[in-house]
């Protein structure tokens, strides 16, 4: 856990990560997206394409429901 955030899902499509983050934010949930594909020199091949979706720890359950609705399976169980 970092600063009260937990890694809830990992995706390999940076655009899907952006859509997921936007959807979570539209629901009023705190979200952070991390990965090589989100940097100034995006890498979107193989394992370097992994993008992590982090949410506030106290909003994890609500965020999991939202991600499930858009077809993202949560990779971390807390």
PDB file of N, CA and C in Angstrom:
ATOM      1  N   UNK A   1       0.846  -1.171   0.000  1.00  0.00           N
ATOM      2  CA  UNK A   1       0.000   0.000   0.000  1.00  0.00           C
ATOM      3  C   UNK A   1       0.892   1.236   0.000  1.00  0.00           C
ATOM      4  N   UNK A   2       0.532   2.217  -0.819  1.00  0.00           N
ATOM      5  CA  UNK A   2       1.300   3.443  -0.913  1.00  0.00           C
ATOM      6  C   UNK A   2       0.382   4.635  -0.685  1.00  0.00           C
ATOM      7  N   UNK A   3       0.650   5.425   0.346  1.00  0.00           N
ATOM      8  CA  UNK A   3      -0.134   6.620   0.624  1.00  0.00           C
ATOM      9  C   UNK A   3      -1.633   6.351   0.672  1.00  0.00           C
ATOM     10  N   UNK A   4      -2.034   5.209   1.189  1.00  0.00           N
ATOM     11  CA  UNK A   4      -3.446   4.888   1.285  1.00  0.00           C
ATOM     12  C   UNK A   4      -4.074   4.395  -0.001  1.00  0.00           C
ATOM     13  N   UNK A   5      -3.258   4.064  -0.983  1.00  0.00           N
ATOM     14  CA  UNK A   5      -3.751   3.532  -2.250  1.00  0.00           C
ATOM     15  C   UNK A   5      -3.334   2.073  -2.385  1.00  0.00           C
ATOM     16  N   UNK A   6      -4.152   1.289  -3.093  1.00  0.00           N
ATOM     17  CA  UNK A   6      -3.841  -0.107  -3.363  1.00  0.00           C
ATOM     18  C   UNK A   6      -3.932  -0.349  -4.868  1.00  0.00           C
ATOM     19  N   UNK A   7      -3.093  -1.245  -5.361  1.00  0.00           N
ATOM     20  CA  UNK A   7      -3.135  -1.619  -6.775  1.00  0.00           C
ATOM     21  C   UNK A   7      -4.290  -2.603  -6.948  1.00  0.00           C
ATOM     22  N   UNK A   8      -5.312  -2.172  -7.662  1.00  0.00           N
ATOM     23  CA  UNK A   8      -6.512  -2.985  -7.800  1.00  0.00           C
ATOM     24  C   UNK A   8      -6.522  -3.810  -9.075  1.00  0.00           C
ATOM     25  N   UNK A   9      -5.881  -3.313 -10.135  1.00  0.00           N
ATOM     26  CA  UNK A   9      -5.903  -4.045 -11.400  1.00  0.00           C
ATOM     27  C   UNK A   9      -4.673  -3.715 -12.228  1.00  0.00           C
ATOM     28  N   UNK A  10      -4.367  -4.649 -13.129  1.00  0.00           N
ATOM     29  CA  UNK A  10      -3.263  -4.463 -14.074  1.00  0.00           C
ATOM     30  C   UNK A  10      -3.816  -4.765 -15.462  1.00  0.00           C
ATOM     31  N   UNK A  11      -3.599  -3.843 -16.388  1.00  0.00           N
ATOM     32  CA  UNK A  11      -4.061  -4.032 -17.766  1.00  0.00           C
ATOM     33  C   UNK A  11      -2.880  -3.817 -18.700  1.00  0.00           C
ATOM     34  N   UNK A  12      -3.004  -4.298 -19.920  1.00  0.00           N
ATOM     35  CA  UNK A  12      -1.910  -4.183 -20.883  1.00  0.00           C
ATOM     36  C   UNK A  12      -2.288  -3.317 -22.070  1.00  0.00           C
ATOM     37  N   UNK A  13      -3.281  -2.468 -21.884  1.00  0.00           N
ATOM     38  CA  UNK A  13      -3.715  -1.526 -22.903  1.00  0.00           C
ATOM     39  C   UNK A  13      -3.805  -0.154 -22.235  1.00  0.00           C
ATOM     40  N   UNK A  14      -2.895   0.763 -22.561  1.00  0.00           N
ATOM     41  CA  UNK A  14      -2.905   2.067 -21.894  1.00  0.00           C
ATOM     42  C   UNK A  14      -4.204   2.835 -22.108  1.00  0.00           C
ATOM     43  N   UNK A  15      -4.839   2.652 -23.255  1.00  0.00           N
ATOM     44  CA  UNK A  15      -6.110   3.347 -23.485  1.00  0.00           C
ATOM     45  C   UNK A  15      -7.202   2.805 -22.576  1.00  0.00           C
ATOM     46  N   UNK A  16      -7.217   1.503 -22.353  1.00  0.00           N
ATOM     47  CA  UNK A  16      -8.176   0.916 -21.424  1.00  0.00           C
ATOM     48  C   UNK A  16      -7.932   1.449 -20.017  1.00  0.00           C
ATOM     49  N   UNK A  17      -6.679   1.599 -19.639  1.00  0.00           N
ATOM     50  CA  UNK A  17      -6.353   2.149 -18.321  1.00  0.00           C
ATOM     51  C   UNK A  17      -6.863   3.581 -18.193  1.00  0.00           C
ATOM     52  N   UNK A  18      -6.722   4.368 -19.243  1.00  0.00           N
ATOM     53  CA  UNK A  18      -7.217   5.753 -19.221  1.00  0.00           C
ATOM     54  C   UNK A  18      -8.743   5.785 -19.110  1.00  0.00           C
ATOM     55  N   UNK A  19      -9.411   4.924 -19.856  1.00  0.00           N
ATOM     56  CA  UNK A  19     -10.877   4.858 -19.791  1.00  0.00           C
ATOM     57  C   UNK A  19     -11.315   4.437 -18.389  1.00  0.00           C
ATOM     58  N   UNK A  20     -10.646   3.440 -17.825  1.00  0.00           N
ATOM     59  CA  UNK A  20     -10.989   2.969 -16.479  1.00  0.00           C
ATOM     60  C   UNK A  20     -10.801   4.085 -15.462  1.00  0.00           C
ATOM     61  N   UNK A  21      -9.692   4.807 -15.566  1.00  0.00           N
ATOM     62  CA  UNK A  21      -9.433   5.904 -14.631  1.00  0.00           C
ATOM     63  C   UNK A  21     -10.496   6.992 -14.760  1.00  0.00           C
ATOM     64  N   UNK A  22     -10.864   7.311 -15.983  1.00  0.00           N
ATOM     65  CA  UNK A  22     -11.894   8.330 -16.196  1.00  0.00           C
ATOM     66  C   UNK A  22     -13.228   7.882 -15.609  1.00  0.00           C
ATOM     67  N   UNK A  23     -13.561   6.623 -15.789  1.00  0.00           N
ATOM     68  CA  UNK A  23     -14.824   6.094 -15.251  1.00  0.00           C
ATOM     69  C   UNK A  23     -14.816   6.129 -13.728  1.00  0.00           C
ATOM     70  N   UNK A  24     -13.690   5.715 -13.132  1.00  0.00           N
ATOM     71  CA  UNK A  24     -13.587   5.753 -11.671  1.00  0.00           C
ATOM     72  C   UNK A  24     -13.710   7.184 -11.157  1.00  0.00           C
ATOM     73  N   UNK A  25     -13.046   8.116 -11.817  1.00  0.00           N
ATOM     74  CA  UNK A  25     -13.121   9.523 -11.411  1.00  0.00           C
ATOM     75  C   UNK A  25     -14.540  10.063 -11.565  1.00  0.00           C
ATOM     76  N   UNK A  26     -15.243   9.637 -12.614  1.00  0.00           N
ATOM     77  CA  UNK A  26     -16.615  10.107 -12.820  1.00  0.00           C
ATOM     78  C   UNK A  26     -17.543   9.624 -11.707  1.00  0.00           C
ATOM     79  N   UNK A  27     -17.154   8.543 -11.044  1.00  0.00           N
ATOM     80  CA  UNK A  27     -17.916   8.025  -9.911  1.00  0.00           C
ATOM     81  C   UNK A  27     -17.468   8.663  -8.597  1.00  0.00           C
ATOM     82  N   UNK A  28     -16.516   9.599  -8.673  1.00  0.00           N
ATOM     83  CA  UNK A  28     -16.037  10.291  -7.483  1.00  0.00           C
ATOM     84  C   UNK A  28     -14.989   9.530  -6.711  1.00  0.00           C
ATOM     85  N   UNK A  29     -14.364   8.543  -7.349  1.00  0.00           N
ATOM     86  CA  UNK A  29     -13.361   7.723  -6.674  1.00  0.00           C
ATOM     87  C   UNK A  29     -11.959   8.225  -6.996  1.00  0.00           C
ATOM     88  N   UNK A  30     -11.084   8.145  -6.011  1.00  0.00           N
ATOM     89  CA  UNK A  30      -9.690   8.558  -6.205  1.00  0.00           C
ATOM     90  C   UNK A  30      -8.946   7.449  -6.935  1.00  0.00           C
ATOM     91  N   UNK A  31      -8.212   7.805  -7.978  1.00  0.00           N
ATOM     92  CA  UNK A  31      -7.511   6.805  -8.790  1.00  0.00           C
ATOM     93  C   UNK A  31      -6.164   7.356  -9.245  1.00  0.00           C
ATOM     94  N   UNK A  32      -5.206   6.452  -9.365  1.00  0.00           N
ATOM     95  CA  UNK A  32      -3.884   6.750  -9.930  1.00  0.00           C
ATOM     96  C   UNK A  32      -3.578   5.662 -10.941  1.00  0.00           C
ATOM     97  N   UNK A  33      -2.926   6.027 -12.026  1.00  0.00           N
ATOM     98  CA  UNK A  33      -2.551   5.060 -13.052  1.00  0.00           C
ATOM     99  C   UNK A  33      -1.041   5.141 -13.221  1.00  0.00           C
ATOM    100  N   UNK A  34      -0.368   3.988 -13.125  1.00  0.00           N
ATOM    101  CA  UNK A  34       1.090   3.936 -13.208  1.00  0.00           C
ATOM    102  C   UNK A  34       1.526   2.893 -14.226  1.00  0.00           C
ATOM    103  N   UNK A  35       2.600   3.191 -14.921  1.00  0.00           N
ATOM    104  CA  UNK A  35       3.170   2.222 -15.847  1.00  0.00           C
ATOM    105  C   UNK A  35       4.033   2.900 -16.889  1.00  0.00           C
ATOM    106  N   UNK A  36       4.885   2.121 -17.515  1.00  0.00           N
ATOM    107  CA  UNK A  36       5.769   2.645 -18.550  1.00  0.00           C
ATOM    108  C   UNK A  36       4.978   3.249 -19.707  1.00  0.00           C
ATOM    109  N   UNK A  37       3.802   2.721 -19.953  1.00  0.00           N
ATOM    110  CA  UNK A  37       2.995   3.213 -21.067  1.00  0.00           C
ATOM    111  C   UNK A  37       2.412   4.595 -20.800  1.00  0.00           C
ATOM    112  N   UNK A  38       2.512   5.073 -19.564  1.00  0.00           N
ATOM    113  CA  UNK A  38       1.952   6.372 -19.207  1.00  0.00           C
ATOM    114  C   UNK A  38       3.016   7.460 -19.119  1.00  0.00           C
ATOM    115  N   UNK A  39       4.262   7.122 -19.366  1.00  0.00           N
ATOM    116  CA  UNK A  39       5.350   8.088 -19.240  1.00  0.00           C
ATOM    117  C   UNK A  39       5.551   8.912 -20.500  1.00  0.00           C
ATOM    118  N   UNK A  40       6.602   9.731 -20.496  1.00  0.00           N
ATOM    119  CA  UNK A  40       6.866  10.595 -21.645  1.00  0.00           C
ATOM    120  C   UNK A  40       7.302   9.818 -22.892  1.00  0.00           C
ATOM    121  N   UNK A  41       7.836   8.629 -22.692  1.00  0.00           N
ATOM    122  CA  UNK A  41       8.238   7.770 -23.800  1.00  0.00           C
ATOM    123  C   UNK A  41       7.502   6.446 -23.647  1.00  0.00           C
ATOM    124  N   UNK A  42       6.231   6.406 -24.052  1.00  0.00           N
ATOM    125  CA  UNK A  42       5.399   5.236 -23.785  1.00  0.00           C
ATOM    126  C   UNK A  42       5.925   3.953 -24.418  1.00  0.00           C
ATOM    127  N   UNK A  43       5.880   2.902 -23.618  1.00  0.00           N
ATOM    128  CA  UNK A  43       6.240   1.568 -24.086  1.00  0.00           C
ATOM    129  C   UNK A  43       4.987   0.723 -23.975  1.00  0.00           C
ATOM    130  N   UNK A  44       4.579   0.120 -25.060  1.00  0.00           N
ATOM    131  CA  UNK A  44       3.336  -0.653 -25.021  1.00  0.00           C
ATOM    132  C   UNK A  44       3.522  -2.041 -25.627  1.00  0.00           C
ATOM    133  N   UNK A  45       4.682  -2.652 -25.321  1.00  0.00           N
ATOM    134  CA  UNK A  45       4.986  -3.978 -25.840  1.00  0.00           C
ATOM    135  C   UNK A  45       5.340  -4.899 -24.676  1.00  0.00           C
ATOM    136  N   UNK A  46       4.762  -6.088 -24.675  1.00  0.00           N
ATOM    137  CA  UNK A  46       5.101  -7.087 -23.671  1.00  0.00           C
ATOM    138  C   UNK A  46       4.824  -6.640 -22.257  1.00  0.00           C
ATOM    139  N   UNK A  47       5.669  -7.098 -21.353  1.00  0.00           N
ATOM    140  CA  UNK A  47       5.478  -6.804 -19.930  1.00  0.00           C
ATOM    141  C   UNK A  47       5.603  -5.316 -19.621  1.00  0.00           C
ATOM    142  N   UNK A  48       6.341  -4.575 -20.440  1.00  0.00           N
ATOM    143  CA  UNK A  48       6.475  -3.141 -20.206  1.00  0.00           C
ATOM    144  C   UNK A  48       5.176  -2.390 -20.465  1.00  0.00           C
ATOM    145  N   UNK A  49       4.237  -3.027 -21.121  1.00  0.00           N
ATOM    146  CA  UNK A  49       2.943  -2.394 -21.386  1.00  0.00           C
ATOM    147  C   UNK A  49       2.020  -2.435 -20.169  1.00  0.00           C
ATOM    148  N   UNK A  50       2.423  -3.170 -19.134  1.00  0.00           N
ATOM    149  CA  UNK A  50       1.567  -3.269 -17.954  1.00  0.00           C
ATOM    150  C   UNK A  50       1.301  -1.892 -17.360  1.00  0.00           C
ATOM    151  N   UNK A  51       0.039  -1.613 -17.144  1.00  0.00           N
ATOM    152  CA  UNK A  51      -0.382  -0.377 -16.503  1.00  0.00           C
ATOM    153  C   UNK A  51      -1.187  -0.753 -15.274  1.00  0.00           C
ATOM    154  N   UNK A  52      -0.824  -0.183 -14.146  1.00  0.00           N
ATOM    155  CA  UNK A  52      -1.476  -0.495 -12.877  1.00  0.00           C
ATOM    156  C   UNK A  52      -2.513   0.574 -12.559  1.00  0.00           C
ATOM    157  N   UNK A  53      -3.662   0.112 -12.095  1.00  0.00           N
ATOM    158  CA  UNK A  53      -4.724   1.014 -11.673  1.00  0.00           C
ATOM    159  C   UNK A  53      -4.794   0.959 -10.152  1.00  0.00           C
ATOM    160  N   UNK A  54      -4.465   2.067  -9.525  1.00  0.00           N
ATOM    161  CA  UNK A  54      -4.448   2.176  -8.069  1.00  0.00           C
ATOM    162  C   UNK A  54      -5.647   2.993  -7.621  1.00  0.00           C
ATOM    163  N   UNK A  55      -6.267   2.581  -6.538  1.00  0.00           N
ATOM    164  CA  UNK A  55      -7.412   3.298  -5.982  1.00  0.00           C
ATOM    165  C   UNK A  55      -7.204   3.504  -4.489  1.00  0.00           C
ATOM    166  N   UNK A  56      -7.929   4.465  -3.945  1.00  0.00           N
ATOM    167  CA  UNK A  56      -7.848   4.702  -2.505  1.00  0.00           C
ATOM    168  C   UNK A  56      -8.295   3.450  -1.769  1.00  0.00           C
ATOM    169  N   UNK A  57      -7.550   3.074  -0.749  1.00  0.00           N
ATOM    170  CA  UNK A  57      -7.815   1.827  -0.028  1.00  0.00           C
ATOM    171  C   UNK A  57      -9.233   1.772   0.526  1.00  0.00           C
ATOM    172  N   UNK A  58      -9.746   2.890   1.005  1.00  0.00           N
ATOM    173  CA  UNK A  58     -11.090   2.879   1.583  1.00  0.00           C
ATOM    174  C   UNK A  58     -12.190   2.877   0.517  1.00  0.00           C
ATOM    175  N   UNK A  59     -11.827   2.985  -0.766  1.00  0.00           N
ATOM    176  CA  UNK A  59     -12.801   2.945  -1.858  1.00  0.00           C
ATOM    177  C   UNK A  59     -12.622   1.698  -2.735  1.00  0.00           C
ATOM    178  N   UNK A  60     -11.827   0.759  -2.251  1.00  0.00           N
ATOM    179  CA  UNK A  60     -11.476  -0.426  -3.033  1.00  0.00           C
ATOM    180  C   UNK A  60     -12.694  -1.232  -3.484  1.00  0.00           C
ATOM    181  N   UNK A  61     -13.633  -1.457  -2.606  1.00  0.00           N
ATOM    182  CA  UNK A  61     -14.811  -2.259  -2.962  1.00  0.00           C
ATOM    183  C   UNK A  61     -15.638  -1.572  -4.040  1.00  0.00           C
ATOM    184  N   UNK A  62     -15.893  -0.280  -3.874  1.00  0.00           N
ATOM    185  CA  UNK A  62     -16.669   0.462  -4.869  1.00  0.00           C
ATOM    186  C   UNK A  62     -15.948   0.495  -6.213  1.00  0.00           C
ATOM    187  N   UNK A  63     -14.630   0.693  -6.181  1.00  0.00           N
ATOM    188  CA  UNK A  63     -13.843   0.724  -7.414  1.00  0.00           C
ATOM    189  C   UNK A  63     -13.861  -0.628  -8.105  1.00  0.00           C
ATOM    190  N   UNK A  64     -13.828  -1.702  -7.325  1.00  0.00           N
ATOM    191  CA  UNK A  64     -13.885  -3.042  -7.900  1.00  0.00           C
ATOM    192  C   UNK A  64     -15.171  -3.281  -8.665  1.00  0.00           C
ATOM    193  N   UNK A  65     -16.273  -2.778  -8.143  1.00  0.00           N
ATOM    194  CA  UNK A  65     -17.568  -2.910  -8.818  1.00  0.00           C
ATOM    195  C   UNK A  65     -17.546  -2.154 -10.144  1.00  0.00           C
ATOM    196  N   UNK A  66     -17.024  -0.946 -10.135  1.00  0.00           N
ATOM    197  CA  UNK A  66     -16.959  -0.135 -11.353  1.00  0.00           C
ATOM    198  C   UNK A  66     -16.083  -0.821 -12.396  1.00  0.00           C
ATOM    199  N   UNK A  67     -14.916  -1.307 -11.992  1.00  0.00           N
ATOM    200  CA  UNK A  67     -14.029  -1.978 -12.938  1.00  0.00           C
ATOM    201  C   UNK A  67     -14.692  -3.237 -13.503  1.00  0.00           C
ATOM    202  N   UNK A  68     -15.392  -3.965 -12.662  1.00  0.00           N
ATOM    203  CA  UNK A  68     -16.098  -5.167 -13.129  1.00  0.00           C
ATOM    204  C   UNK A  68     -17.141  -4.804 -14.194  1.00  0.00           C
ATOM    205  N   UNK A  69     -17.834  -3.684 -13.995  1.00  0.00           N
ATOM    206  CA  UNK A  69     -18.853  -3.239 -14.945  1.00  0.00           C
ATOM    207  C   UNK A  69     -18.278  -2.961 -16.327  1.00  0.00           C
ATOM    208  N   UNK A  70     -17.016  -2.536 -16.384  1.00  0.00           N
ATOM    209  CA  UNK A  70     -16.416  -2.248 -17.696  1.00  0.00           C
ATOM    210  C   UNK A  70     -15.523  -3.385 -18.174  1.00  0.00           C
ATOM    211  N   UNK A  71     -15.582  -4.517 -17.482  1.00  0.00           N
ATOM    212  CA  UNK A  71     -14.901  -5.714 -17.948  1.00  0.00           C
ATOM    213  C   UNK A  71     -13.460  -5.877 -17.521  1.00  0.00           C
ATOM    214  N   UNK A  72     -13.052  -5.178 -16.473  1.00  0.00           N
ATOM    215  CA  UNK A  72     -11.689  -5.327 -15.973  1.00  0.00           C
ATOM    216  C   UNK A  72     -11.729  -6.184 -14.715  1.00  0.00           C
ATOM    217  N   UNK A  73     -10.958  -7.233 -14.718  1.00  0.00           N
ATOM    218  CA  UNK A  73     -10.883  -8.136 -13.576  1.00  0.00           C
ATOM    219  C   UNK A  73      -9.810  -7.628 -12.620  1.00  0.00           C
ATOM    220  N   UNK A  74     -10.158  -7.478 -11.381  1.00  0.00           N
ATOM    221  CA  UNK A  74      -9.207  -6.990 -10.386  1.00  0.00           C
ATOM    222  C   UNK A  74      -8.156  -8.064 -10.126  1.00  0.00           C
ATOM    223  N   UNK A  75      -6.906  -7.647 -10.167  1.00  0.00           N
ATOM    224  CA  UNK A  75      -5.809  -8.610 -10.036  1.00  0.00           C
ATOM    225  C   UNK A  75      -5.326  -8.783  -8.615  1.00  0.00           C
ATOM    226  N   UNK A  76      -5.660  -7.874  -7.762  1.00  0.00           N
ATOM    227  CA  UNK A  76      -5.172  -7.920  -6.385  1.00  0.00           C
ATOM    228  C   UNK A  76      -6.334  -8.182  -5.438  1.00  0.00           C
ATOM    229  N   UNK A  77      -6.108  -9.019  -4.473  1.00  0.00           N
ATOM    230  CA  UNK A  77      -7.101  -9.271  -3.442  1.00  0.00           C
ATOM    231  C   UNK A  77      -6.528  -8.787  -2.115  1.00  0.00           C
ATOM    232  N   UNK A  78      -7.252  -7.925  -1.414  1.00  0.00           N
ATOM    233  CA  UNK A  78      -6.798  -7.363  -0.137  1.00  0.00           C
ATOM    234  C   UNK A  78      -7.783  -7.688   0.937  1.00  0.00           C
TER     235      UNK A  78
END
